[in-house]
Protein backbone atom coordinates (compact mmCIF):
# COMPACT_ATOMS: atom_id res chain seq x y z
CA MET A 1 33.45 -9.93 4.40
CA SER A 2 34.38 -7.55 1.64
CA TYR A 3 36.97 -8.02 -1.05
CA ASP A 4 39.13 -4.92 -1.09
CA PHE A 5 40.95 -3.25 -3.95
CA ILE A 6 43.09 -0.10 -3.89
CA LEU A 7 43.42 2.56 -6.57
CA PHE A 8 46.90 4.06 -6.72
CA ARG A 9 48.36 6.66 -9.06
CA LEU A 10 51.67 5.16 -10.16
CA ARG A 11 54.81 7.13 -10.95
CA ARG A 12 56.02 4.25 -13.16
CA ARG A 13 53.62 1.78 -14.72
CA PRO A 14 54.51 -1.91 -15.08
CA ASP A 15 55.54 -3.06 -18.55
CA ALA A 16 52.57 -5.47 -18.76
CA PHE A 17 49.38 -6.16 -16.83
CA PRO A 18 48.48 -7.91 -14.69
CA ALA A 19 51.74 -7.54 -12.83
CA ARG A 20 52.90 -8.73 -9.46
CA ILE A 21 52.98 -6.07 -6.77
CA PRO A 22 56.69 -5.21 -6.50
CA SER A 23 58.28 -6.33 -3.25
CA ASP A 24 59.82 -2.87 -2.85
CA PHE A 25 56.53 -1.04 -3.49
CA GLY A 26 56.29 2.00 -1.23
CA GLU A 27 54.98 5.54 -0.97
CA ASP A 28 57.69 6.83 -3.31
CA ALA A 29 56.12 4.71 -6.10
CA VAL A 30 52.82 6.60 -6.05
CA VAL A 31 51.43 10.07 -6.61
CA SER A 32 49.25 10.93 -3.62
CA ILE A 33 45.53 11.47 -4.12
CA ASP A 34 45.21 14.48 -1.87
CA ASP A 35 41.87 15.67 -3.18
CA PRO A 36 39.17 13.12 -4.12
CA ALA A 37 36.77 15.90 -5.26
CA PRO A 38 37.51 15.40 -9.00
CA LEU A 39 36.55 11.72 -8.70
CA HIS A 40 33.41 12.60 -6.71
CA ASP A 41 32.46 15.06 -9.48
CA ALA A 42 33.01 12.39 -12.16
CA LEU A 43 30.84 9.94 -10.23
CA ARG A 44 28.02 12.41 -9.81
CA ALA A 45 28.09 13.18 -13.55
CA ASP A 46 27.91 9.49 -14.57
CA ALA A 47 24.51 7.94 -15.37
CA ALA A 48 25.25 4.79 -13.34
CA PHE A 49 25.23 6.81 -10.14
CA GLU A 50 21.53 7.52 -9.80
CA ALA A 51 20.32 10.24 -7.47
CA GLY A 52 20.15 8.90 -3.94
CA SER A 53 22.45 5.94 -4.64
CA THR A 54 25.55 7.66 -3.33
CA THR A 55 26.67 9.31 -0.15
CA ALA A 56 29.92 11.18 0.27
CA GLY A 57 31.74 12.67 3.19
CA VAL A 58 35.26 13.92 3.72
CA GLY A 59 37.44 11.22 2.20
CA VAL A 60 34.60 8.67 2.09
CA PHE A 61 32.22 7.66 -0.67
CA GLU A 62 29.55 4.93 -0.72
CA TRP A 63 27.62 3.70 -3.76
CA ARG A 64 24.56 1.49 -3.48
CA THR A 65 24.96 -0.36 -6.77
CA PRO A 66 22.12 -1.36 -9.12
CA ASP A 67 22.52 -5.04 -8.12
CA GLY A 68 21.73 -4.22 -4.48
CA GLY A 69 25.36 -4.26 -3.37
CA VAL A 70 27.55 -1.57 -1.91
CA LEU A 71 30.97 -0.19 -2.81
CA GLY A 72 32.68 1.88 -0.18
CA ALA A 73 35.62 4.05 -1.17
CA THR A 74 37.90 5.58 1.44
CA VAL A 75 40.77 7.92 0.68
CA MET A 76 43.91 6.67 2.41
CA ALA A 77 47.32 8.27 2.74
CA HIS A 78 48.32 7.52 -0.86
CA GLY A 79 45.34 5.89 -2.60
CA ILE A 80 41.67 4.98 -2.49
CA ASN A 81 40.58 1.76 -0.81
CA ILE A 82 37.48 0.15 -2.34
CA GLY A 83 35.56 -2.19 -0.05
CA THR A 84 33.43 -4.37 -2.31
CA HIS A 85 30.06 -5.91 -1.48
CA ALA A 86 28.86 -5.84 -5.09
CA HIS A 87 29.66 -7.29 -8.51
CA TRP A 88 33.21 -6.50 -9.56
CA ASP A 89 31.90 -4.97 -12.79
CA HIS A 90 31.00 -1.99 -10.60
CA VAL A 91 34.59 -1.82 -9.35
CA ALA A 92 35.70 -1.79 -13.00
CA HIS A 93 33.29 1.07 -13.69
CA LEU A 94 34.64 3.06 -10.74
CA PHE A 95 38.19 2.29 -11.92
CA GLU A 96 37.31 3.55 -15.42
CA LEU A 97 36.00 6.82 -13.99
CA ALA A 98 39.16 7.21 -11.88
CA LEU A 99 41.25 6.75 -15.04
CA GLY A 100 39.30 9.59 -16.66
CA VAL A 101 40.38 11.84 -13.80
CA TRP A 102 43.86 10.41 -13.20
CA PRO A 103 45.19 8.49 -16.25
CA ASP A 104 48.12 7.14 -14.19
CA THR A 105 45.77 5.10 -11.93
CA ALA A 106 46.19 1.35 -11.45
CA LEU A 107 44.10 -1.06 -9.42
CA PHE A 108 45.79 -3.24 -6.82
CA ASP A 109 44.29 -6.58 -5.80
CA LEU A 110 46.04 -7.28 -2.52
CA ARG A 111 44.69 -10.83 -2.13
CA ALA A 112 46.07 -11.89 -5.50
CA ALA A 113 49.11 -9.56 -5.12
CA GLN A 114 48.47 -8.13 -8.58
CA VAL A 115 48.38 -4.72 -10.21
CA HIS A 116 45.84 -4.22 -13.01
CA ASP A 117 45.12 -1.81 -15.79
CA LEU A 118 41.46 -1.63 -16.87
CA ALA A 119 41.72 -4.35 -19.54
CA SER A 120 43.48 -6.88 -17.30
CA PHE A 121 41.03 -6.18 -14.47
CA ARG A 122 38.00 -6.70 -16.73
CA ALA A 123 39.54 -10.00 -17.93
CA PHE A 124 40.18 -11.00 -14.29
CA VAL A 125 36.55 -10.24 -13.40
CA GLU A 126 35.20 -12.26 -16.33
CA ARG A 127 37.49 -15.20 -15.56
CA SER A 128 36.66 -15.14 -11.84
CA TYR A 129 32.90 -15.15 -12.36
CA ARG A 130 33.12 -17.79 -15.14
CA ASN A 131 35.21 -20.06 -12.87
CA LYS A 132 32.72 -19.61 -10.04
CA ALA A 133 29.76 -20.45 -12.31
CA GLU A 134 31.54 -23.53 -13.66
CA ALA A 135 32.34 -24.74 -10.14
CA GLN A 136 28.71 -24.30 -9.09
CA ALA A 137 27.54 -26.22 -12.17
CA ARG A 138 29.92 -29.10 -11.34
CA ARG A 139 28.65 -29.22 -7.75
CA ALA A 140 25.04 -29.21 -8.95
CA ALA A 141 25.76 -31.98 -11.48
CA GLY A 142 27.49 -34.00 -8.75
CA ARG A 143 24.48 -33.64 -6.44
CA GLN A 144 22.11 -34.76 -9.20
CA ALA A 145 24.28 -37.75 -10.09
CA GLY A 146 24.69 -38.70 -6.45
CA GLY A 147 21.02 -38.78 -5.71
């Protein structure tokens, strides 16, 4: 099961990040991404996207990440959905490239109902992976103590 994020170009940015997704959020709050070609060009020019690691079609992009995972990006009516089967650092890298093309881009985490700028997303990623590692360490310590 993938963890999905969505890149949207916002007409009005929140005052602070992360922010809750507004209850009245709708298509009038975003600038449509009608042409993903500028993002595709930015990806192809970036060193992280090695030759042969990406495939692109009309409105679809897939990146086989260096950690063996996959990010799939699909252009939707008003944004870009990112299906994640890879480390979230790669999502942050894709987000950073999108910001270079469209500075008004924000990343939506629908599960957490939050909107991120790049800094708040990187902090979220670090916190999430640290919490997961700490939980695994506690489980391992509990198994060792229990026999």
